[in-house]
PDB file of N, CA and C in Angstrom:
ATOM      1  N   MET A   1      17.632  64.310 -40.993  1.00  0.00           N
ATOM      2  CA  MET A   1      16.399  63.878 -40.370  1.00  0.00           C
ATOM      3  C   MET A   1      16.116  62.433 -40.782  1.00  0.00           C
ATOM      4  N   ARG A   2      15.721  61.656 -39.822  1.00  0.00           N
ATOM      5  CA  ARG A   2      15.398  60.253 -40.108  1.00  0.00           C
ATOM      6  C   ARG A   2      14.102  60.163 -40.902  1.00  0.00           C
ATOM      7  N   ALA A   3      14.031  59.192 -41.772  1.00  0.00           N
ATOM      8  CA  ALA A   3      12.839  59.014 -42.604  1.00  0.00           C
ATOM      9  C   ALA A   3      11.608  58.724 -41.762  1.00  0.00           C
ATOM     10  N   GLY A   4      11.771  57.955 -40.677  1.00  0.00           N
ATOM     11  CA  GLY A   4      10.639  57.638 -39.813  1.00  0.00           C
ATOM     12  C   GLY A   4      10.068  58.866 -39.132  1.00  0.00           C
ATOM     13  N   ALA A   5      10.944  59.797 -38.708  1.00  0.00           N
ATOM     14  CA  ALA A   5      10.490  61.026 -38.063  1.00  0.00           C
ATOM     15  C   ALA A   5       9.733  61.901 -39.049  1.00  0.00           C
ATOM     16  N   ARG A   6      10.258  61.974 -40.255  1.00  0.00           N
ATOM     17  CA  ARG A   6       9.578  62.768 -41.276  1.00  0.00           C
ATOM     18  C   ARG A   6       8.232  62.160 -41.619  1.00  0.00           C
ATOM     19  N   ALA A   7       8.197  60.866 -41.763  1.00  0.00           N
ATOM     20  CA  ALA A   7       6.941  60.206 -42.103  1.00  0.00           C
ATOM     21  C   ALA A   7       5.903  60.447 -41.011  1.00  0.00           C
ATOM     22  N   PHE A   8       6.322  60.391 -39.750  1.00  0.00           N
ATOM     23  CA  PHE A   8       5.386  60.639 -38.661  1.00  0.00           C
ATOM     24  C   PHE A   8       4.831  62.054 -38.732  1.00  0.00           C
ATOM     25  N   ARG A   9       5.710  63.032 -38.948  1.00  0.00           N
ATOM     26  CA  ARG A   9       5.254  64.424 -39.030  1.00  0.00           C
ATOM     27  C   ARG A   9       4.331  64.637 -40.220  1.00  0.00           C
ATOM     28  N   GLU A  10       4.644  64.009 -41.336  1.00  0.00           N
ATOM     29  CA  GLU A  10       3.773  64.139 -42.506  1.00  0.00           C
ATOM     30  C   GLU A  10       2.415  63.508 -42.244  1.00  0.00           C
ATOM     31  N   ARG A  11       2.417  62.329 -41.633  1.00  0.00           N
ATOM     32  CA  ARG A  11       1.131  61.687 -41.309  1.00  0.00           C
ATOM     33  C   ARG A  11       0.315  62.554 -40.363  1.00  0.00           C
ATOM     34  N   LEU A  12       0.965  63.113 -39.358  1.00  0.00           N
ATOM     35  CA  LEU A  12       0.275  63.975 -38.415  1.00  0.00           C
ATOM     36  C   LEU A  12      -0.266  65.222 -39.121  1.00  0.00           C
ATOM     37  N   ALA A  13       0.538  65.829 -39.964  1.00  0.00           N
ATOM     38  CA  ALA A  13       0.111  67.032 -40.693  1.00  0.00           C
ATOM     39  C   ALA A  13      -1.098  66.732 -41.573  1.00  0.00           C
ATOM     40  N   PHE A  14      -1.086  65.602 -42.265  1.00  0.00           N
ATOM     41  CA  PHE A  14      -2.213  65.260 -43.123  1.00  0.00           C
ATOM     42  C   PHE A  14      -3.458  64.903 -42.318  1.00  0.00           C
ATOM     43  N   LYS A  15      -3.284  64.305 -41.154  1.00  0.00           N
ATOM     44  CA  LYS A  15      -4.439  64.027 -40.296  1.00  0.00           C
ATOM     45  C   LYS A  15      -5.067  65.331 -39.819  1.00  0.00           C
ATOM     46  N   LEU A  16      -4.229  66.283 -39.421  1.00  0.00           N
ATOM     47  CA  LEU A  16      -4.755  67.582 -39.003  1.00  0.00           C
ATOM     48  C   LEU A  16      -5.421  68.302 -40.160  1.00  0.00           C
ATOM     49  N   TRP A  17      -4.829  68.236 -41.337  1.00  0.00           N
ATOM     50  CA  TRP A  17      -5.422  68.859 -42.524  1.00  0.00           C
ATOM     51  C   TRP A  17      -6.780  68.232 -42.823  1.00  0.00           C
ATOM     52  N   ARG A  18      -6.843  66.898 -42.789  1.00  0.00           N
ATOM     53  CA  ARG A  18      -8.102  66.197 -43.067  1.00  0.00           C
ATOM     54  C   ARG A  18      -9.166  66.585 -42.050  1.00  0.00           C
ATOM     55  N   TRP A  19      -8.791  66.658 -40.762  1.00  0.00           N
ATOM     56  CA  TRP A  19      -9.729  67.034 -39.709  1.00  0.00           C
ATOM     57  C   TRP A  19     -10.256  68.449 -39.949  1.00  0.00           C
ATOM     58  N   THR A  20      -9.372  69.355 -40.328  1.00  0.00           N
ATOM     59  CA  THR A  20      -9.780  70.739 -40.588  1.00  0.00           C
ATOM     60  C   THR A  20     -10.724  70.814 -41.776  1.00  0.00           C
ATOM     61  N   MET A  21     -10.415  70.111 -42.849  1.00  0.00           N
ATOM     62  CA  MET A  21     -11.233  70.167 -44.057  1.00  0.00           C
ATOM     63  C   MET A  21     -12.588  69.472 -43.887  1.00  0.00           C
ATOM     64  N   ALA A  22     -12.706  68.594 -42.914  1.00  0.00           N
ATOM     65  CA  ALA A  22     -13.941  67.829 -42.736  1.00  0.00           C
ATOM     66  C   ALA A  22     -15.037  68.628 -42.045  1.00  0.00           C
ATOM     67  N   GLY A  23     -14.725  69.775 -41.519  1.00  0.00           N
ATOM     68  CA  GLY A  23     -15.740  70.575 -40.842  1.00  0.00           C
ATOM     69  C   GLY A  23     -15.746  71.999 -41.365  1.00  0.00           C
ATOM     70  N   ALA A  24     -16.900  72.463 -41.802  1.00  0.00           N
ATOM     71  CA  ALA A  24     -16.991  73.814 -42.369  1.00  0.00           C
ATOM     72  C   ALA A  24     -16.593  74.875 -41.348  1.00  0.00           C
ATOM     73  N   GLY A  25     -17.006  74.696 -40.111  1.00  0.00           N
ATOM     74  CA  GLY A  25     -16.662  75.667 -39.075  1.00  0.00           C
ATOM     75  C   GLY A  25     -15.174  75.705 -38.797  1.00  0.00           C
ATOM     76  N   ARG A  26     -14.556  74.520 -38.754  1.00  0.00           N
ATOM     77  CA  ARG A  26     -13.104  74.462 -38.532  1.00  0.00           C
ATOM     78  C   ARG A  26     -12.362  75.102 -39.700  1.00  0.00           C
ATOM     79  N   PHE A  27     -12.794  74.794 -40.914  1.00  0.00           N
ATOM     80  CA  PHE A  27     -12.168  75.360 -42.098  1.00  0.00           C
ATOM     81  C   PHE A  27     -12.265  76.889 -42.068  1.00  0.00           C
ATOM     82  N   GLU A  28     -13.438  77.399 -41.739  1.00  0.00           N
ATOM     83  CA  GLU A  28     -13.631  78.846 -41.691  1.00  0.00           C
ATOM     84  C   GLU A  28     -12.778  79.481 -40.590  1.00  0.00           C
ATOM     85  N   PHE A  29     -12.731  78.852 -39.411  1.00  0.00           N
ATOM     86  CA  PHE A  29     -11.942  79.383 -38.304  1.00  0.00           C
ATOM     87  C   PHE A  29     -10.458  79.440 -38.648  1.00  0.00           C
ATOM     88  N   PHE A  30      -9.914  78.360 -39.186  1.00  0.00           N
ATOM     89  CA  PHE A  30      -8.482  78.348 -39.478  1.00  0.00           C
ATOM     90  C   PHE A  30      -8.129  79.276 -40.639  1.00  0.00           C
ATOM     91  N   GLY A  31      -9.042  79.474 -41.565  1.00  0.00           N
ATOM     92  CA  GLY A  31      -8.817  80.477 -42.609  1.00  0.00           C
ATOM     93  C   GLY A  31      -8.750  81.873 -42.021  1.00  0.00           C
ATOM     94  N   TRP A  32      -9.682  82.163 -41.108  1.00  0.00           N
ATOM     95  CA  TRP A  32      -9.678  83.456 -40.418  1.00  0.00           C
ATOM     96  C   TRP A  32      -8.385  83.622 -39.621  1.00  0.00           C
ATOM     97  N   LEU A  33      -7.991  82.573 -38.910  1.00  0.00           N
ATOM     98  CA  LEU A  33      -6.779  82.626 -38.091  1.00  0.00           C
ATOM     99  C   LEU A  33      -5.541  82.894 -38.956  1.00  0.00           C
ATOM    100  N   ALA A  34      -5.455  82.246 -40.101  1.00  0.00           N
ATOM    101  CA  ALA A  34      -4.311  82.445 -40.994  1.00  0.00           C
ATOM    102  C   ALA A  34      -4.272  83.874 -41.529  1.00  0.00           C
ATOM    103  N   ARG A  35      -5.419  84.398 -41.969  1.00  0.00           N
ATOM    104  CA  ARG A  35      -5.454  85.773 -42.472  1.00  0.00           C
ATOM    105  C   ARG A  35      -5.077  86.770 -41.381  1.00  0.00           C
ATOM    106  N   THR A  36      -5.620  86.582 -40.187  1.00  0.00           N
ATOM    107  CA  THR A  36      -5.353  87.492 -39.077  1.00  0.00           C
ATOM    108  C   THR A  36      -3.882  87.442 -38.662  1.00  0.00           C
ATOM    109  N   THR A  37      -3.330  86.239 -38.598  1.00  0.00           N
ATOM    110  CA  THR A  37      -1.925  86.079 -38.216  1.00  0.00           C
ATOM    111  C   THR A  37      -0.998  86.733 -39.237  1.00  0.00           C
ATOM    112  N   LEU A  38      -1.253  86.501 -40.522  1.00  0.00           N
ATOM    113  CA  LEU A  38      -0.401  87.121 -41.547  1.00  0.00           C
ATOM    114  C   LEU A  38      -0.491  88.638 -41.504  1.00  0.00           C
ATOM    115  N   ARG A  39      -1.704  89.170 -41.334  1.00  0.00           N
ATOM    116  CA  ARG A  39      -1.830  90.623 -41.241  1.00  0.00           C
ATOM    117  C   ARG A  39      -1.031  91.170 -40.062  1.00  0.00           C
ATOM    118  N   ALA A  40      -1.108  90.486 -38.910  1.00  0.00           N
ATOM    119  CA  ALA A  40      -0.384  90.939 -37.715  1.00  0.00           C
ATOM    120  C   ALA A  40       1.125  90.873 -37.942  1.00  0.00           C
ATOM    121  N   LEU A  41       1.603  89.770 -38.507  1.00  0.00           N
ATOM    122  CA  LEU A  41       3.037  89.634 -38.765  1.00  0.00           C
ATOM    123  C   LEU A  41       3.523  90.698 -39.739  1.00  0.00           C
ATOM    124  N   TYR A  42       2.752  90.931 -40.792  1.00  0.00           N
ATOM    125  CA  TYR A  42       3.159  91.908 -41.793  1.00  0.00           C
ATOM    126  C   TYR A  42       3.077  93.329 -41.245  1.00  0.00           C
ATOM    127  N   ALA A  43       2.133  93.594 -40.343  1.00  0.00           N
ATOM    128  CA  ALA A  43       2.039  94.915 -39.716  1.00  0.00           C
ATOM    129  C   ALA A  43       3.260  95.181 -38.845  1.00  0.00           C
ATOM    130  N   LEU A  44       3.841  94.122 -38.300  1.00  0.00           N
ATOM    131  CA  LEU A  44       5.053  94.252 -37.491  1.00  0.00           C
ATOM    132  C   LEU A  44       6.309  94.345 -38.353  1.00  0.00           C
ATOM    133  N   GLY A  45       6.158  94.264 -39.665  1.00  0.00           N
ATOM    134  CA  GLY A  45       7.295  94.374 -40.577  1.00  0.00           C
ATOM    135  C   GLY A  45       8.055  93.068 -40.772  1.00  0.00           C
ATOM    136  N   LEU A  46       7.402  91.938 -40.529  1.00  0.00           N
ATOM    137  CA  LEU A  46       8.079  90.649 -40.617  1.00  0.00           C
ATOM    138  C   LEU A  46       7.901  89.952 -41.972  1.00  0.00           C
ATOM    139  N   GLN A  47       7.310  90.633 -42.926  1.00  0.00           N
ATOM    140  CA  GLN A  47       7.142  90.027 -44.243  1.00  0.00           C
ATOM    141  C   GLN A  47       8.503  89.786 -44.884  1.00  0.00           C
ATOM    142  N   GLY A  48       8.719  88.565 -45.354  1.00  0.00           N
ATOM    143  CA  GLY A  48       9.966  88.210 -46.010  1.00  0.00           C
ATOM    144  C   GLY A  48      11.072  87.776 -45.072  1.00  0.00           C
ATOM    145  N   THR A  49      10.854  87.850 -43.762  1.00  0.00           N
ATOM    146  CA  THR A  49      11.862  87.422 -42.805  1.00  0.00           C
ATOM    147  C   THR A  49      11.695  85.925 -42.515  1.00  0.00           C
ATOM    148  N   ALA A  50      12.571  85.395 -41.690  1.00  0.00           N
ATOM    149  CA  ALA A  50      12.496  83.977 -41.324  1.00  0.00           C
ATOM    150  C   ALA A  50      11.225  83.660 -40.554  1.00  0.00           C
ATOM    151  N   LEU A  51      10.568  84.655 -39.962  1.00  0.00           N
ATOM    152  CA  LEU A  51       9.332  84.438 -39.211  1.00  0.00           C
ATOM    153  C   LEU A  51       8.084  84.500 -40.075  1.00  0.00           C
ATOM    154  N   ASP A  52       8.246  84.778 -41.352  1.00  0.00           N
ATOM    155  CA  ASP A  52       7.122  84.849 -42.279  1.00  0.00           C
ATOM    156  C   ASP A  52       6.747  83.440 -42.728  1.00  0.00           C
ATOM    157  N   PRO A  53       5.528  82.955 -42.379  1.00  0.00           N
ATOM    158  CA  PRO A  53       5.153  81.603 -42.784  1.00  0.00           C
ATOM    159  C   PRO A  53       4.996  81.442 -44.296  1.00  0.00           C
ATOM    160  N   ALA A  54       4.840  82.537 -45.013  1.00  0.00           N
ATOM    161  CA  ALA A  54       4.708  82.469 -46.473  1.00  0.00           C
ATOM    162  C   ALA A  54       6.058  82.568 -47.174  1.00  0.00           C
ATOM    163  N   ARG A  55       7.128  82.650 -46.422  1.00  0.00           N
ATOM    164  CA  ARG A  55       8.456  82.856 -47.007  1.00  0.00           C
ATOM    165  C   ARG A  55       8.861  81.811 -48.044  1.00  0.00           C
ATOM    166  N   PRO A  56       8.613  80.521 -47.817  1.00  0.00           N
ATOM    167  CA  PRO A  56       8.992  79.564 -48.874  1.00  0.00           C
ATOM    168  C   PRO A  56       8.349  79.901 -50.225  1.00  0.00           C
ATOM    169  N   TRP A  57       7.138  80.419 -50.210  1.00  0.00           N
ATOM    170  CA  TRP A  57       6.460  80.786 -51.446  1.00  0.00           C
ATOM    171  C   TRP A  57       7.000  82.109 -51.982  1.00  0.00           C
ATOM    172  N   THR A  58       7.186  83.084 -51.097  1.00  0.00           N
ATOM    173  CA  THR A  58       7.556  84.425 -51.542  1.00  0.00           C
ATOM    174  C   THR A  58       9.020  84.554 -51.940  1.00  0.00           C
ATOM    175  N   ARG A  59       9.811  83.534 -51.701  1.00  0.00           N
ATOM    176  CA  ARG A  59      11.203  83.590 -52.179  1.00  0.00           C
ATOM    177  C   ARG A  59      11.254  83.646 -53.695  1.00  0.00           C
ATOM    178  N   SER A  60      10.311  82.979 -54.358  1.00  0.00           N
ATOM    179  CA  SER A  60      10.349  82.944 -55.820  1.00  0.00           C
ATOM    180  C   SER A  60       9.060  83.440 -56.470  1.00  0.00           C
ATOM    181  N   HIS A  61       8.120  83.925 -55.671  1.00  0.00           N
ATOM    182  CA  HIS A  61       6.861  84.451 -56.200  1.00  0.00           C
ATOM    183  C   HIS A  61       6.514  85.755 -55.494  1.00  0.00           C
ATOM    184  N   ALA A  62       5.692  86.541 -56.137  1.00  0.00           N
ATOM    185  CA  ALA A  62       5.196  87.744 -55.470  1.00  0.00           C
ATOM    186  C   ALA A  62       4.193  87.327 -54.404  1.00  0.00           C
ATOM    187  N   ALA A  63       4.215  88.022 -53.291  1.00  0.00           N
ATOM    188  CA  ALA A  63       3.286  87.702 -52.210  1.00  0.00           C
ATOM    189  C   ALA A  63       1.871  88.072 -52.632  1.00  0.00           C
ATOM    190  N   PRO A  64       0.938  87.150 -52.481  1.00  0.00           N
ATOM    191  CA  PRO A  64      -0.443  87.489 -52.822  1.00  0.00           C
ATOM    192  C   PRO A  64      -1.021  88.435 -51.774  1.00  0.00           C
ATOM    193  N   GLU A  65      -1.983  89.225 -52.194  1.00  0.00           N
ATOM    194  CA  GLU A  65      -2.653  90.113 -51.258  1.00  0.00           C
ATOM    195  C   GLU A  65      -3.479  89.275 -50.285  1.00  0.00           C
ATOM    196  N   ILE A  66      -3.438  89.639 -49.032  1.00  0.00           N
ATOM    197  CA  ILE A  66      -4.218  88.913 -48.033  1.00  0.00           C
ATOM    198  C   ILE A  66      -5.656  89.386 -48.153  1.00  0.00           C
ATOM    199  N   PRO A  67      -6.586  88.467 -48.403  1.00  0.00           N
ATOM    200  CA  PRO A  67      -7.981  88.895 -48.584  1.00  0.00           C
ATOM    201  C   PRO A  67      -8.554  89.478 -47.298  1.00  0.00           C
ATOM    202  N   ARG A  68      -9.463  90.433 -47.454  1.00  0.00           N
ATOM    203  CA  ARG A  68     -10.075  91.044 -46.271  1.00  0.00           C
ATOM    204  C   ARG A  68     -11.069  90.099 -45.631  1.00  0.00           C
ATOM    205  N   ALA A  69     -11.599  89.186 -46.406  1.00  0.00           N
ATOM    206  CA  ALA A  69     -12.582  88.232 -45.888  1.00  0.00           C
ATOM    207  C   ALA A  69     -12.442  86.926 -46.657  1.00  0.00           C
ATOM    208  N   SER A  70     -13.041  85.885 -46.128  1.00  0.00           N
ATOM    209  CA  SER A  70     -12.991  84.592 -46.802  1.00  0.00           C
ATOM    210  C   SER A  70     -13.832  84.631 -48.074  1.00  0.00           C
ATOM    211  N   PHE A  71     -13.564  83.705 -48.972  1.00  0.00           N
ATOM    212  CA  PHE A  71     -14.359  83.600 -50.187  1.00  0.00           C
ATOM    213  C   PHE A  71     -15.819  83.364 -49.827  1.00  0.00           C
ATOM    214  N   ARG A  72     -16.049  82.512 -48.843  1.00  0.00           N
ATOM    215  CA  ARG A  72     -17.421  82.190 -48.424  1.00  0.00           C
ATOM    216  C   ARG A  72     -18.167  83.434 -47.953  1.00  0.00           C
ATOM    217  N   LYS A  73     -17.490  84.282 -47.171  1.00  0.00           N
ATOM    218  CA  LYS A  73     -18.132  85.497 -46.672  1.00  0.00           C
ATOM    219  C   LYS A  73     -18.413  86.468 -47.818  1.00  0.00           C
ATOM    220  N   LEU A  74     -17.452  86.620 -48.710  1.00  0.00           N
ATOM    221  CA  LEU A  74     -17.664  87.504 -49.863  1.00  0.00           C
ATOM    222  C   LEU A  74     -18.810  87.009 -50.732  1.00  0.00           C
ATOM    223  N   TRP A  75     -18.915  85.705 -50.908  1.00  0.00           N
ATOM    224  CA  TRP A  75     -19.999  85.119 -51.702  1.00  0.00           C
ATOM    225  C   TRP A  75     -21.347  85.442 -51.057  1.00  0.00           C
ATOM    226  N   ARG A  76     -21.434  85.265 -49.735  1.00  0.00           N
ATOM    227  CA  ARG A  76     -22.681  85.569 -49.022  1.00  0.00           C
ATOM    228  C   ARG A  76     -23.055  87.045 -49.186  1.00  0.00           C
ATOM    229  N   GLU A  77     -22.070  87.930 -49.085  1.00  0.00           N
ATOM    230  CA  GLU A  77     -22.340  89.366 -49.218  1.00  0.00           C
ATOM    231  C   GLU A  77     -22.828  89.715 -50.605  1.00  0.00           C
ATOM    232  N   ARG A  78     -22.250  89.114 -51.608  1.00  0.00           N
ATOM    233  CA  ARG A  78     -22.586  89.475 -52.988  1.00  0.00           C
ATOM    234  C   ARG A  78     -23.829  88.775 -53.511  1.00  0.00           C
ATOM    235  N   LYS A  79     -24.043  87.547 -53.083  1.00  0.00           N
ATOM    236  CA  LYS A  79     -25.190  86.778 -53.577  1.00  0.00           C
ATOM    237  C   LYS A  79     -26.383  86.825 -52.625  1.00  0.00           C
ATOM    238  N   GLY A  80     -26.156  87.308 -51.430  1.00  0.00           N
ATOM    239  CA  GLY A  80     -27.247  87.399 -50.467  1.00  0.00           C
ATOM    240  C   GLY A  80     -27.739  86.058 -49.952  1.00  0.00           C
ATOM    241  N   CYS A  81     -26.855  85.065 -49.895  1.00  0.00           N
ATOM    242  CA  CYS A  81     -27.251  83.732 -49.438  1.00  0.00           C
ATOM    243  C   CYS A  81     -27.136  83.633 -47.934  1.00  0.00           C
TER     244      CYS A  81
END
């Protein structure tokens, strides 16, 4: 891969990350989307396969449990905010 192509993809990825982190609603939506997608993939038996987006991590670590809700939602439920 050419260095220029990689740099472009990295810049684009960081711009998208920054855009997502800059809005609470976007952050919450993409967190929900990630949890829902992983649950669906794992329900289909794709955990640990090439289609598992967590595979780079799970090759050398135990897969973390997918939370049932976001930290923000759990905080609201427990603290009543």
